[in-house]
Amino acid sequence: MSSMRSSNPGAMVVLIASAVGIAIALYAYLTPLTGVNGTLGALIVILTCAALVVLALGLALCGKRALHNLLRVVIVVVIIGTAFAALLLHLWWLAVAMAVALVGLMIDIFRPSPAHRTTS
């Protein structure tokens, strides 16, 4: 594995989308008059986005197939839960970021594994 960027673009999309999610949730949590500033829900969304960053890094660096599949399942549950919380908090841009993260996970799922790729 030469680099994370070339080896797993789906995991990188999840990583970037979750980092954007942290920024959006932090803005909503810290900025007055957002409607959710200082609330427990916004704080939980920040923490779940941070956990998603860690999971995406694990997905990018994982080498074992079983662990890779387990990370995929955990990531999809976290993405769906965070998107649902974002909708309840009226953080529409965070829901969009989670949709992008889900697209990144789909890229990772449907991309052929390195063992099945052919070299030209």
PDB file of N, CA and C in Angstrom:
ATOM      1  N   MET A   1       0.851  -1.159   0.000  1.00  0.00           N
ATOM      2  CA  MET A   1       0.000   0.000   0.000  1.00  0.00           C
ATOM      3  C   MET A   1       0.899   1.224   0.000  1.00  0.00           C
ATOM      4  N   SER A   2       0.946   1.929  -1.132  1.00  0.00           N
ATOM      5  CA  SER A   2       1.862   3.043  -1.257  1.00  0.00           C
ATOM      6  C   SER A   2       1.363   4.290  -0.555  1.00  0.00           C
ATOM      7  N   SER A   3       0.079   4.595  -0.691  1.00  0.00           N
ATOM      8  CA  SER A   3      -0.481   5.735   0.018  1.00  0.00           C
ATOM      9  C   SER A   3      -1.968   5.514   0.202  1.00  0.00           C
ATOM     10  N   MET A   4      -2.537   6.197   1.216  1.00  0.00           N
ATOM     11  CA  MET A   4      -3.956   6.035   1.473  1.00  0.00           C
ATOM     12  C   MET A   4      -4.776   6.604   0.325  1.00  0.00           C
ATOM     13  N   ARG A   5      -4.317   7.668  -0.274  1.00  0.00           N
ATOM     14  CA  ARG A   5      -5.091   8.333  -1.315  1.00  0.00           C
ATOM     15  C   ARG A   5      -5.256   7.453  -2.540  1.00  0.00           C
ATOM     16  N   SER A   6      -4.197   6.806  -2.960  1.00  0.00           N
ATOM     17  CA  SER A   6      -4.288   5.985  -4.159  1.00  0.00           C
ATOM     18  C   SER A   6      -4.872   4.609  -3.874  1.00  0.00           C
ATOM     19  N   SER A   7      -4.785   4.143  -2.642  1.00  0.00           N
ATOM     20  CA  SER A   7      -5.215   2.785  -2.360  1.00  0.00           C
ATOM     21  C   SER A   7      -6.698   2.677  -2.020  1.00  0.00           C
ATOM     22  N   ASN A   8      -7.299   3.701  -1.460  1.00  0.00           N
ATOM     23  CA  ASN A   8      -8.686   3.589  -1.042  1.00  0.00           C
ATOM     24  C   ASN A   8      -9.401   4.942  -1.147  1.00  0.00           C
ATOM     25  N   PRO A   9      -9.853   5.307  -2.335  1.00  0.00           N
ATOM     26  CA  PRO A   9     -10.514   6.613  -2.486  1.00  0.00           C
ATOM     27  C   PRO A   9     -11.849   6.698  -1.758  1.00  0.00           C
ATOM     28  N   GLY A  10     -12.550   5.580  -1.609  1.00  0.00           N
ATOM     29  CA  GLY A  10     -13.814   5.594  -0.895  1.00  0.00           C
ATOM     30  C   GLY A  10     -13.643   5.979   0.564  1.00  0.00           C
ATOM     31  N   ALA A  11     -12.626   5.423   1.205  1.00  0.00           N
ATOM     32  CA  ALA A  11     -12.348   5.763   2.605  1.00  0.00           C
ATOM     33  C   ALA A  11     -11.946   7.223   2.745  1.00  0.00           C
ATOM     34  N   MET A  12     -11.245   7.747   1.742  1.00  0.00           N
ATOM     35  CA  MET A  12     -10.857   9.161   1.795  1.00  0.00           C
ATOM     36  C   MET A  12     -12.076  10.076   1.662  1.00  0.00           C
ATOM     37  N   VAL A  13     -13.055   9.689   0.859  1.00  0.00           N
ATOM     38  CA  VAL A  13     -14.288  10.472   0.741  1.00  0.00           C
ATOM     39  C   VAL A  13     -15.024  10.463   2.082  1.00  0.00           C
ATOM     40  N   VAL A  14     -15.089   9.313   2.731  1.00  0.00           N
ATOM     41  CA  VAL A  14     -15.724   9.221   4.053  1.00  0.00           C
ATOM     42  C   VAL A  14     -14.978  10.094   5.050  1.00  0.00           C
ATOM     43  N   LEU A  15     -13.653  10.056   5.009  1.00  0.00           N
ATOM     44  CA  LEU A  15     -12.831  10.846   5.921  1.00  0.00           C
ATOM     45  C   LEU A  15     -13.068  12.338   5.730  1.00  0.00           C
ATOM     46  N   ILE A  16     -13.058  12.794   4.492  1.00  0.00           N
ATOM     47  CA  ILE A  16     -13.251  14.219   4.215  1.00  0.00           C
ATOM     48  C   ILE A  16     -14.666  14.657   4.581  1.00  0.00           C
ATOM     49  N   ALA A  17     -15.665  13.851   4.248  1.00  0.00           N
ATOM     50  CA  ALA A  17     -17.043  14.205   4.574  1.00  0.00           C
ATOM     51  C   ALA A  17     -17.272  14.257   6.082  1.00  0.00           C
ATOM     52  N   SER A  18     -16.651  13.352   6.819  1.00  0.00           N
ATOM     53  CA  SER A  18     -16.815  13.387   8.272  1.00  0.00           C
ATOM     54  C   SER A  18     -16.062  14.555   8.899  1.00  0.00           C
ATOM     55  N   ALA A  19     -14.922  14.949   8.323  1.00  0.00           N
ATOM     56  CA  ALA A  19     -14.216  16.138   8.810  1.00  0.00           C
ATOM     57  C   ALA A  19     -15.049  17.400   8.549  1.00  0.00           C
ATOM     58  N   VAL A  20     -15.693  17.456   7.395  1.00  0.00           N
ATOM     59  CA  VAL A  20     -16.599  18.569   7.105  1.00  0.00           C
ATOM     60  C   VAL A  20     -17.773  18.535   8.079  1.00  0.00           C
ATOM     61  N   GLY A  21     -18.248  17.351   8.399  1.00  0.00           N
ATOM     62  CA  GLY A  21     -19.325  17.208   9.373  1.00  0.00           C
ATOM     63  C   GLY A  21     -18.934  17.736  10.742  1.00  0.00           C
ATOM     64  N   ILE A  22     -17.700  17.492  11.152  1.00  0.00           N
ATOM     65  CA  ILE A  22     -17.216  18.041  12.423  1.00  0.00           C
ATOM     66  C   ILE A  22     -17.253  19.563  12.386  1.00  0.00           C
ATOM     67  N   ALA A  23     -16.798  20.144  11.286  1.00  0.00           N
ATOM     68  CA  ALA A  23     -16.781  21.605  11.170  1.00  0.00           C
ATOM     69  C   ALA A  23     -18.200  22.179  11.232  1.00  0.00           C
ATOM     70  N   ILE A  24     -19.134  21.553  10.547  1.00  0.00           N
ATOM     71  CA  ILE A  24     -20.525  22.025  10.548  1.00  0.00           C
ATOM     72  C   ILE A  24     -21.128  21.902  11.941  1.00  0.00           C
ATOM     73  N   ALA A  25     -20.912  20.764  12.590  1.00  0.00           N
ATOM     74  CA  ALA A  25     -21.472  20.550  13.922  1.00  0.00           C
ATOM     75  C   ALA A  25     -20.829  21.477  14.954  1.00  0.00           C
ATOM     76  N   LEU A  26     -19.531  21.717  14.836  1.00  0.00           N
ATOM     77  CA  LEU A  26     -18.866  22.667  15.735  1.00  0.00           C
ATOM     78  C   LEU A  26     -19.414  24.077  15.561  1.00  0.00           C
ATOM     79  N   TYR A  27     -19.628  24.472  14.306  1.00  0.00           N
ATOM     80  CA  TYR A  27     -20.211  25.789  14.044  1.00  0.00           C
ATOM     81  C   TYR A  27     -21.588  25.907  14.693  1.00  0.00           C
ATOM     82  N   ALA A  28     -22.418  24.882  14.528  1.00  0.00           N
ATOM     83  CA  ALA A  28     -23.763  24.916  15.101  1.00  0.00           C
ATOM     84  C   ALA A  28     -23.721  24.903  16.627  1.00  0.00           C
ATOM     85  N   TYR A  29     -22.766  24.182  17.194  1.00  0.00           N
ATOM     86  CA  TYR A  29     -22.661  24.080  18.650  1.00  0.00           C
ATOM     87  C   TYR A  29     -22.147  25.368  19.283  1.00  0.00           C
ATOM     88  N   LEU A  30     -21.208  26.041  18.604  1.00  0.00           N
ATOM     89  CA  LEU A  30     -20.549  27.196  19.202  1.00  0.00           C
ATOM     90  C   LEU A  30     -21.175  28.540  18.843  1.00  0.00           C
ATOM     91  N   THR A  31     -21.897  28.626  17.756  1.00  0.00           N
ATOM     92  CA  THR A  31     -22.422  29.904  17.284  1.00  0.00           C
ATOM     93  C   THR A  31     -23.796  30.172  17.892  1.00  0.00           C
ATOM     94  N   PRO A  32     -23.955  31.330  18.515  1.00  0.00           N
ATOM     95  CA  PRO A  32     -25.276  31.678  19.045  1.00  0.00           C
ATOM     96  C   PRO A  32     -26.300  31.841  17.921  1.00  0.00           C
ATOM     97  N   LEU A  33     -27.561  31.637  18.268  1.00  0.00           N
ATOM     98  CA  LEU A  33     -28.705  31.795  17.377  1.00  0.00           C
ATOM     99  C   LEU A  33     -28.765  30.759  16.256  1.00  0.00           C
ATOM    100  N   THR A  34     -28.079  29.627  16.416  1.00  0.00           N
ATOM    101  CA  THR A  34     -28.242  28.554  15.434  1.00  0.00           C
ATOM    102  C   THR A  34     -29.398  27.643  15.823  1.00  0.00           C
ATOM    103  N   GLY A  35     -29.873  27.791  17.034  1.00  0.00           N
ATOM    104  CA  GLY A  35     -30.964  26.952  17.514  1.00  0.00           C
ATOM    105  C   GLY A  35     -30.497  25.719  18.244  1.00  0.00           C
ATOM    106  N   VAL A  36     -29.253  25.323  18.047  1.00  0.00           N
ATOM    107  CA  VAL A  36     -28.729  24.133  18.725  1.00  0.00           C
ATOM    108  C   VAL A  36     -27.431  24.433  19.471  1.00  0.00           C
ATOM    109  N   ASN A  37     -27.097  25.716  19.604  1.00  0.00           N
ATOM    110  CA  ASN A  37     -25.828  26.033  20.261  1.00  0.00           C
ATOM    111  C   ASN A  37     -25.870  25.603  21.725  1.00  0.00           C
ATOM    112  N   GLY A  38     -24.837  24.894  22.129  1.00  0.00           N
ATOM    113  CA  GLY A  38     -24.702  24.429  23.497  1.00  0.00           C
ATOM    114  C   GLY A  38     -25.573  23.238  23.863  1.00  0.00           C
ATOM    115  N   THR A  39     -26.233  22.612  22.904  1.00  0.00           N
ATOM    116  CA  THR A  39     -27.118  21.489  23.229  1.00  0.00           C
ATOM    117  C   THR A  39     -26.350  20.170  23.236  1.00  0.00           C
ATOM    118  N   LEU A  40     -26.911  19.215  23.951  1.00  0.00           N
ATOM    119  CA  LEU A  40     -26.300  17.895  24.031  1.00  0.00           C
ATOM    120  C   LEU A  40     -26.339  17.184  22.678  1.00  0.00           C
ATOM    121  N   GLY A  41     -27.398  17.388  21.918  1.00  0.00           N
ATOM    122  CA  GLY A  41     -27.516  16.756  20.600  1.00  0.00           C
ATOM    123  C   GLY A  41     -26.405  17.183  19.657  1.00  0.00           C
ATOM    124  N   ALA A  42     -26.108  18.472  19.637  1.00  0.00           N
ATOM    125  CA  ALA A  42     -25.029  18.965  18.771  1.00  0.00           C
ATOM    126  C   ALA A  42     -23.677  18.425  19.229  1.00  0.00           C
ATOM    127  N   LEU A  43     -23.487  18.313  20.536  1.00  0.00           N
ATOM    128  CA  LEU A  43     -22.235  17.768  21.055  1.00  0.00           C
ATOM    129  C   LEU A  43     -22.084  16.291  20.678  1.00  0.00           C
ATOM    130  N   ILE A  44     -23.164  15.545  20.747  1.00  0.00           N
ATOM    131  CA  ILE A  44     -23.114  14.128  20.368  1.00  0.00           C
ATOM    132  C   ILE A  44     -22.797  13.975  18.888  1.00  0.00           C
ATOM    133  N   VAL A  45     -23.356  14.859  18.061  1.00  0.00           N
ATOM    134  CA  VAL A  45     -23.069  14.796  16.619  1.00  0.00           C
ATOM    135  C   VAL A  45     -21.595  15.102  16.353  1.00  0.00           C
ATOM    136  N   ILE A  46     -21.024  16.010  17.102  1.00  0.00           N
ATOM    137  CA  ILE A  46     -19.581  16.293  16.968  1.00  0.00           C
ATOM    138  C   ILE A  46     -18.785  15.032  17.291  1.00  0.00           C
ATOM    139  N   LEU A  47     -19.161  14.358  18.360  1.00  0.00           N
ATOM    140  CA  LEU A  47     -18.432  13.153  18.767  1.00  0.00           C
ATOM    141  C   LEU A  47     -18.615  12.009  17.774  1.00  0.00           C
ATOM    142  N   THR A  48     -19.813  11.861  17.220  1.00  0.00           N
ATOM    143  CA  THR A  48     -20.001  10.789  16.239  1.00  0.00           C
ATOM    144  C   THR A  48     -19.244  11.082  14.949  1.00  0.00           C
ATOM    145  N   CYS A  49     -19.157  12.342  14.557  1.00  0.00           N
ATOM    146  CA  CYS A  49     -18.356  12.685  13.370  1.00  0.00           C
ATOM    147  C   CYS A  49     -16.878  12.425  13.626  1.00  0.00           C
ATOM    148  N   ALA A  50     -16.424  12.707  14.855  1.00  0.00           N
ATOM    149  CA  ALA A  50     -15.029  12.412  15.202  1.00  0.00           C
ATOM    150  C   ALA A  50     -14.775  10.909  15.185  1.00  0.00           C
ATOM    151  N   ALA A  51     -15.740  10.140  15.680  1.00  0.00           N
ATOM    152  CA  ALA A  51     -15.603   8.677  15.626  1.00  0.00           C
ATOM    153  C   ALA A  51     -15.589   8.199  14.180  1.00  0.00           C
ATOM    154  N   LEU A  52     -16.352   8.858  13.327  1.00  0.00           N
ATOM    155  CA  LEU A  52     -16.369   8.492  11.910  1.00  0.00           C
ATOM    156  C   LEU A  52     -15.027   8.773  11.243  1.00  0.00           C
ATOM    157  N   VAL A  53     -14.341   9.820  11.664  1.00  0.00           N
ATOM    158  CA  VAL A  53     -12.993  10.099  11.152  1.00  0.00           C
ATOM    159  C   VAL A  53     -12.057   8.944  11.511  1.00  0.00           C
ATOM    160  N   VAL A  54     -12.123   8.497  12.756  1.00  0.00           N
ATOM    161  CA  VAL A  54     -11.266   7.393  13.204  1.00  0.00           C
ATOM    162  C   VAL A  54     -11.608   6.106  12.446  1.00  0.00           C
ATOM    163  N   LEU A  55     -12.896   5.849  12.269  1.00  0.00           N
ATOM    164  CA  LEU A  55     -13.309   4.649  11.536  1.00  0.00           C
ATOM    165  C   LEU A  55     -12.876   4.704  10.076  1.00  0.00           C
ATOM    166  N   ALA A  56     -12.949   5.891   9.456  1.00  0.00           N
ATOM    167  CA  ALA A  56     -12.512   6.024   8.061  1.00  0.00           C
ATOM    168  C   ALA A  56     -11.007   5.809   7.937  1.00  0.00           C
ATOM    169  N   LEU A  57     -10.247   6.290   8.902  1.00  0.00           N
ATOM    170  CA  LEU A  57      -8.801   6.018   8.898  1.00  0.00           C
ATOM    171  C   LEU A  57      -8.538   4.522   9.043  1.00  0.00           C
ATOM    172  N   GLY A  58      -9.294   3.872   9.916  1.00  0.00           N
ATOM    173  CA  GLY A  58      -9.158   2.425  10.058  1.00  0.00           C
ATOM    174  C   GLY A  58      -9.515   1.683   8.786  1.00  0.00           C
ATOM    175  N   LEU A  59     -10.547   2.167   8.091  1.00  0.00           N
ATOM    176  CA  LEU A  59     -10.949   1.553   6.818  1.00  0.00           C
ATOM    177  C   LEU A  59      -9.857   1.720   5.767  1.00  0.00           C
ATOM    178  N   ALA A  60      -9.209   2.868   5.756  1.00  0.00           N
ATOM    179  CA  ALA A  60      -8.154   3.118   4.772  1.00  0.00           C
ATOM    180  C   ALA A  60      -6.906   2.293   5.056  1.00  0.00           C
ATOM    181  N   LEU A  61      -6.634   2.035   6.315  1.00  0.00           N
ATOM    182  CA  LEU A  61      -5.397   1.340   6.675  1.00  0.00           C
ATOM    183  C   LEU A  61      -5.577  -0.150   6.905  1.00  0.00           C
ATOM    184  N   CYS A  62      -6.811  -0.615   6.922  1.00  0.00           N
ATOM    185  CA  CYS A  62      -7.105  -2.013   7.237  1.00  0.00           C
ATOM    186  C   CYS A  62      -6.644  -2.934   6.118  1.00  0.00           C
ATOM    187  N   GLY A  63      -6.067  -4.048   6.502  1.00  0.00           N
ATOM    188  CA  GLY A  63      -5.613  -5.006   5.511  1.00  0.00           C
ATOM    189  C   GLY A  63      -6.398  -6.310   5.515  1.00  0.00           C
ATOM    190  N   LYS A  64      -7.016  -6.652   6.627  1.00  0.00           N
ATOM    191  CA  LYS A  64      -7.743  -7.917   6.733  1.00  0.00           C
ATOM    192  C   LYS A  64      -9.179  -7.749   6.263  1.00  0.00           C
ATOM    193  N   ARG A  65      -9.643  -8.713   5.503  1.00  0.00           N
ATOM    194  CA  ARG A  65     -10.975  -8.632   4.884  1.00  0.00           C
ATOM    195  C   ARG A  65     -12.099  -8.620   5.924  1.00  0.00           C
ATOM    196  N   ALA A  66     -12.010  -9.452   6.945  1.00  0.00           N
ATOM    197  CA  ALA A  66     -13.070  -9.526   7.952  1.00  0.00           C
ATOM    198  C   ALA A  66     -13.181  -8.210   8.725  1.00  0.00           C
ATOM    199  N   LEU A  67     -12.041  -7.655   9.109  1.00  0.00           N
ATOM    200  CA  LEU A  67     -12.048  -6.375   9.819  1.00  0.00           C
ATOM    201  C   LEU A  67     -12.557  -5.257   8.916  1.00  0.00           C
ATOM    202  N   HIS A  68     -12.191  -5.316   7.658  1.00  0.00           N
ATOM    203  CA  HIS A  68     -12.650  -4.324   6.680  1.00  0.00           C
ATOM    204  C   HIS A  68     -14.173  -4.359   6.573  1.00  0.00           C
ATOM    205  N   ASN A  69     -14.754  -5.545   6.499  1.00  0.00           N
ATOM    206  CA  ASN A  69     -16.205  -5.675   6.420  1.00  0.00           C
ATOM    207  C   ASN A  69     -16.890  -5.223   7.702  1.00  0.00           C
ATOM    208  N   LEU A  70     -16.292  -5.528   8.848  1.00  0.00           N
ATOM    209  CA  LEU A  70     -16.846  -5.080  10.120  1.00  0.00           C
ATOM    210  C   LEU A  70     -16.839  -3.550  10.199  1.00  0.00           C
ATOM    211  N   LEU A  71     -15.748  -2.932   9.769  1.00  0.00           N
ATOM    212  CA  LEU A  71     -15.676  -1.472   9.758  1.00  0.00           C
ATOM    213  C   LEU A  71     -16.732  -0.871   8.839  1.00  0.00           C
ATOM    214  N   ARG A  72     -16.988  -1.497   7.709  1.00  0.00           N
ATOM    215  CA  ARG A  72     -18.023  -1.019   6.794  1.00  0.00           C
ATOM    216  C   ARG A  72     -19.392  -1.008   7.461  1.00  0.00           C
ATOM    217  N   VAL A  73     -19.709  -2.079   8.182  1.00  0.00           N
ATOM    218  CA  VAL A  73     -21.006  -2.169   8.856  1.00  0.00           C
ATOM    219  C   VAL A  73     -21.119  -1.094   9.940  1.00  0.00           C
ATOM    220  N   VAL A  74     -20.079  -0.940  10.737  1.00  0.00           N
ATOM    221  CA  VAL A  74     -20.095   0.066  11.799  1.00  0.00           C
ATOM    222  C   VAL A  74     -20.207   1.470  11.198  1.00  0.00           C
ATOM    223  N   ILE A  75     -19.484   1.730  10.109  1.00  0.00           N
ATOM    224  CA  ILE A  75     -19.525   3.043   9.475  1.00  0.00           C
ATOM    225  C   ILE A  75     -20.914   3.357   8.936  1.00  0.00           C
ATOM    226  N   VAL A  76     -21.577   2.384   8.310  1.00  0.00           N
ATOM    227  CA  VAL A  76     -22.909   2.663   7.770  1.00  0.00           C
ATOM    228  C   VAL A  76     -23.898   2.950   8.904  1.00  0.00           C
ATOM    229  N   VAL A  77     -23.765   2.265  10.035  1.00  0.00           N
ATOM    230  CA  VAL A  77     -24.646   2.534  11.174  1.00  0.00           C
ATOM    231  C   VAL A  77     -24.387   3.948  11.725  1.00  0.00           C
ATOM    232  N   VAL A  78     -23.127   4.324  11.853  1.00  0.00           N
ATOM    233  CA  VAL A  78     -22.787   5.656  12.366  1.00  0.00           C
ATOM    234  C   VAL A  78     -23.247   6.742  11.399  1.00  0.00           C
ATOM    235  N   ILE A  79     -23.082   6.526  10.102  1.00  0.00           N
ATOM    236  CA  ILE A  79     -23.516   7.521   9.116  1.00  0.00           C
ATOM    237  C   ILE A  79     -25.031   7.711   9.183  1.00  0.00           C
ATOM    238  N   ILE A  80     -25.781   6.617   9.219  1.00  0.00           N
ATOM    239  CA  ILE A  80     -27.239   6.723   9.256  1.00  0.00           C
ATOM    240  C   ILE A  80     -27.701   7.390  10.554  1.00  0.00           C
ATOM    241  N   GLY A  81     -27.100   7.019  11.662  1.00  0.00           N
ATOM    242  CA  GLY A  81     -27.457   7.639  12.941  1.00  0.00           C
ATOM    243  C   GLY A  81     -27.128   9.115  12.989  1.00  0.00           C
ATOM    244  N   THR A  82     -25.974   9.485  12.470  1.00  0.00           N
ATOM    245  CA  THR A  82     -25.584  10.891  12.455  1.00  0.00           C
ATOM    246  C   THR A  82     -26.463  11.699  11.514  1.00  0.00           C
ATOM    247  N   ALA A  83     -26.809  11.128  10.371  1.00  0.00           N
ATOM    248  CA  ALA A  83     -27.700  11.827   9.438  1.00  0.00           C
ATOM    249  C   ALA A  83     -29.079  12.019  10.062  1.00  0.00           C
ATOM    250  N   PHE A  84     -29.578  11.014  10.762  1.00  0.00           N
ATOM    251  CA  PHE A  84     -30.874  11.141  11.436  1.00  0.00           C
ATOM    252  C   PHE A  84     -30.823  12.230  12.503  1.00  0.00           C
ATOM    253  N   ALA A  85     -29.755  12.245  13.298  1.00  0.00           N
ATOM    254  CA  ALA A  85     -29.597  13.292  14.317  1.00  0.00           C
ATOM    255  C   ALA A  85     -29.483  14.667  13.676  1.00  0.00           C
ATOM    256  N   ALA A  86     -28.793  14.744  12.549  1.00  0.00           N
ATOM    257  CA  ALA A  86     -28.661  16.026  11.848  1.00  0.00           C
ATOM    258  C   ALA A  86     -30.020  16.534  11.379  1.00  0.00           C
ATOM    259  N   LEU A  87     -30.851  15.634  10.896  1.00  0.00           N
ATOM    260  CA  LEU A  87     -32.189  16.040  10.471  1.00  0.00           C
ATOM    261  C   LEU A  87     -33.030  16.498  11.656  1.00  0.00           C
ATOM    262  N   LEU A  88     -32.915  15.819  12.791  1.00  0.00           N
ATOM    263  CA  LEU A  88     -33.653  16.240  13.983  1.00  0.00           C
ATOM    264  C   LEU A  88     -33.171  17.600  14.499  1.00  0.00           C
ATOM    265  N   LEU A  89     -31.890  17.886  14.318  1.00  0.00           N
ATOM    266  CA  LEU A  89     -31.327  19.163  14.754  1.00  0.00           C
ATOM    267  C   LEU A  89     -31.464  20.264  13.708  1.00  0.00           C
ATOM    268  N   HIS A  90     -32.046  19.940  12.564  1.00  0.00           N
ATOM    269  CA  HIS A  90     -32.194  20.877  11.433  1.00  0.00           C
ATOM    270  C   HIS A  90     -30.836  21.356  10.915  1.00  0.00           C
ATOM    271  N   LEU A  91     -29.864  20.481  10.932  1.00  0.00           N
ATOM    272  CA  LEU A  91     -28.542  20.756  10.373  1.00  0.00           C
ATOM    273  C   LEU A  91     -28.478  20.103   9.003  1.00  0.00           C
ATOM    274  N   TRP A  92     -29.089  20.760   8.027  1.00  0.00           N
ATOM    275  CA  TRP A  92     -29.245  20.179   6.695  1.00  0.00           C
ATOM    276  C   TRP A  92     -27.906  19.913   6.025  1.00  0.00           C
ATOM    277  N   TRP A  93     -26.942  20.810   6.199  1.00  0.00           N
ATOM    278  CA  TRP A  93     -25.638  20.619   5.555  1.00  0.00           C
ATOM    279  C   TRP A  93     -24.896  19.430   6.144  1.00  0.00           C
ATOM    280  N   LEU A  94     -25.127  19.161   7.413  1.00  0.00           N
ATOM    281  CA  LEU A  94     -24.522  17.972   8.015  1.00  0.00           C
ATOM    282  C   LEU A  94     -25.146  16.707   7.433  1.00  0.00           C
ATOM    283  N   ALA A  95     -26.443  16.737   7.187  1.00  0.00           N
ATOM    284  CA  ALA A  95     -27.101  15.592   6.547  1.00  0.00           C
ATOM    285  C   ALA A  95     -26.544  15.376   5.137  1.00  0.00           C
ATOM    286  N   VAL A  96     -26.262  16.463   4.431  1.00  0.00           N
ATOM    287  CA  VAL A  96     -25.654  16.359   3.097  1.00  0.00           C
ATOM    288  C   VAL A  96     -24.251  15.768   3.203  1.00  0.00           C
ATOM    289  N   ALA A  97     -23.483  16.200   4.201  1.00  0.00           N
ATOM    290  CA  ALA A  97     -22.135  15.645   4.395  1.00  0.00           C
ATOM    291  C   ALA A  97     -22.201  14.148   4.687  1.00  0.00           C
ATOM    292  N   MET A  98     -23.197  13.719   5.442  1.00  0.00           N
ATOM    293  CA  MET A  98     -23.346  12.287   5.725  1.00  0.00           C
ATOM    294  C   MET A  98     -23.780  11.523   4.472  1.00  0.00           C
ATOM    295  N   ALA A  99     -24.560  12.160   3.607  1.00  0.00           N
ATOM    296  CA  ALA A  99     -24.917  11.522   2.334  1.00  0.00           C
ATOM    297  C   ALA A  99     -23.673  11.335   1.472  1.00  0.00           C
ATOM    298  N   VAL A 100     -22.795  12.333   1.471  1.00  0.00           N
ATOM    299  CA  VAL A 100     -21.530  12.212   0.728  1.00  0.00           C
ATOM    300  C   VAL A 100     -20.672  11.102   1.337  1.00  0.00           C
ATOM    301  N   ALA A 101     -20.661  11.002   2.660  1.00  0.00           N
ATOM    302  CA  ALA A 101     -19.906   9.924   3.315  1.00  0.00           C
ATOM    303  C   ALA A 101     -20.471   8.565   2.926  1.00  0.00           C
ATOM    304  N   LEU A 102     -21.788   8.475   2.805  1.00  0.00           N
ATOM    305  CA  LEU A 102     -22.402   7.217   2.388  1.00  0.00           C
ATOM    306  C   LEU A 102     -22.019   6.862   0.946  1.00  0.00           C
ATOM    307  N   VAL A 103     -21.928   7.874   0.087  1.00  0.00           N
ATOM    308  CA  VAL A 103     -21.464   7.643  -1.286  1.00  0.00           C
ATOM    309  C   VAL A 103     -20.021   7.133  -1.270  1.00  0.00           C
ATOM    310  N   GLY A 104     -19.189   7.723  -0.419  1.00  0.00           N
ATOM    311  CA  GLY A 104     -17.809   7.250  -0.288  1.00  0.00           C
ATOM    312  C   GLY A 104     -17.732   5.811   0.187  1.00  0.00           C
ATOM    313  N   LEU A 105     -18.623   5.452   1.102  1.00  0.00           N
ATOM    314  CA  LEU A 105     -18.648   4.064   1.560  1.00  0.00           C
ATOM    315  C   LEU A 105     -19.091   3.134   0.437  1.00  0.00           C
ATOM    316  N   MET A 106     -20.027   3.569  -0.372  1.00  0.00           N
ATOM    317  CA  MET A 106     -20.461   2.756  -1.517  1.00  0.00           C
ATOM    318  C   MET A 106     -19.316   2.589  -2.523  1.00  0.00           C
ATOM    319  N   ILE A 107     -18.525   3.631  -2.701  1.00  0.00           N
ATOM    320  CA  ILE A 107     -17.345   3.516  -3.566  1.00  0.00           C
ATOM    321  C   ILE A 107     -16.412   2.444  -3.018  1.00  0.00           C
ATOM    322  N   ASP A 108     -16.216   2.455  -1.693  1.00  0.00           N
ATOM    323  CA  ASP A 108     -15.335   1.468  -1.074  1.00  0.00           C
ATOM    324  C   ASP A 108     -15.908   0.053  -1.216  1.00  0.00           C
ATOM    325  N   ILE A 109     -17.211  -0.075  -1.071  1.00  0.00           N
ATOM    326  CA  ILE A 109     -17.826  -1.405  -1.137  1.00  0.00           C
ATOM    327  C   ILE A 109     -17.775  -1.983  -2.546  1.00  0.00           C
ATOM    328  N   PHE A 110     -18.106  -1.174  -3.537  1.00  0.00           N
ATOM    329  CA  PHE A 110     -18.210  -1.690  -4.901  1.00  0.00           C
ATOM    330  C   PHE A 110     -16.906  -1.634  -5.686  1.00  0.00           C
ATOM    331  N   ARG A 111     -15.862  -1.112  -5.109  1.00  0.00           N
ATOM    332  CA  ARG A 111     -14.560  -1.099  -5.759  1.00  0.00           C
ATOM    333  C   ARG A 111     -13.918  -2.469  -5.589  1.00  0.00           C
ATOM    334  N   PRO A 112     -13.330  -3.016  -6.646  1.00  0.00           N
ATOM    335  CA  PRO A 112     -12.710  -4.348  -6.520  1.00  0.00           C
ATOM    336  C   PRO A 112     -11.571  -4.342  -5.512  1.00  0.00           C
ATOM    337  N   SER A 113     -11.416  -5.449  -4.812  1.00  0.00           N
ATOM    338  CA  SER A 113     -10.336  -5.556  -3.831  1.00  0.00           C
ATOM    339  C   SER A 113      -9.010  -5.644  -4.573  1.00  0.00           C
ATOM    340  N   PRO A 114      -7.891  -5.315  -3.884  1.00  0.00           N
ATOM    341  CA  PRO A 114      -6.590  -5.351  -4.554  1.00  0.00           C
ATOM    342  C   PRO A 114      -6.232  -6.725  -5.129  1.00  0.00           C
ATOM    343  N   ALA A 115      -6.735  -7.790  -4.533  1.00  0.00           N
ATOM    344  CA  ALA A 115      -6.415  -9.134  -5.032  1.00  0.00           C
ATOM    345  C   ALA A 115      -7.094  -9.401  -6.380  1.00  0.00           C
ATOM    346  N   HIS A 116      -8.228  -8.734  -6.622  1.00  0.00           N
ATOM    347  CA  HIS A 116      -8.966  -8.966  -7.869  1.00  0.00           C
ATOM    348  C   HIS A 116      -8.603  -7.994  -8.985  1.00  0.00           C
ATOM    349  N   ARG A 117      -7.828  -6.968  -8.669  1.00  0.00           N
ATOM    350  CA  ARG A 117      -7.442  -6.011  -9.697  1.00  0.00           C
ATOM    351  C   ARG A 117      -6.362  -6.603 -10.592  1.00  0.00           C
ATOM    352  N   THR A 118      -6.424  -6.240 -11.848  1.00  0.00           N
ATOM    353  CA  THR A 118      -5.382  -6.687 -12.776  1.00  0.00           C
ATOM    354  C   THR A 118      -4.448  -5.531 -13.055  1.00  0.00           C
ATOM    355  N   THR A 119      -3.194  -5.837 -13.223  1.00  0.00           N
ATOM    356  CA  THR A 119      -2.219  -4.799 -13.557  1.00  0.00           C
ATOM    357  C   THR A 119      -2.033  -4.754 -15.057  1.00  0.00           C
ATOM    358  N   SER A 120      -1.954  -3.550 -15.582  1.00  0.00           N
ATOM    359  CA  SER A 120      -1.791  -3.388 -17.030  1.00  0.00           C
ATOM    360  C   SER A 120      -0.357  -3.113 -17.380  1.00  0.00           C
TER     361      SER A 120
END
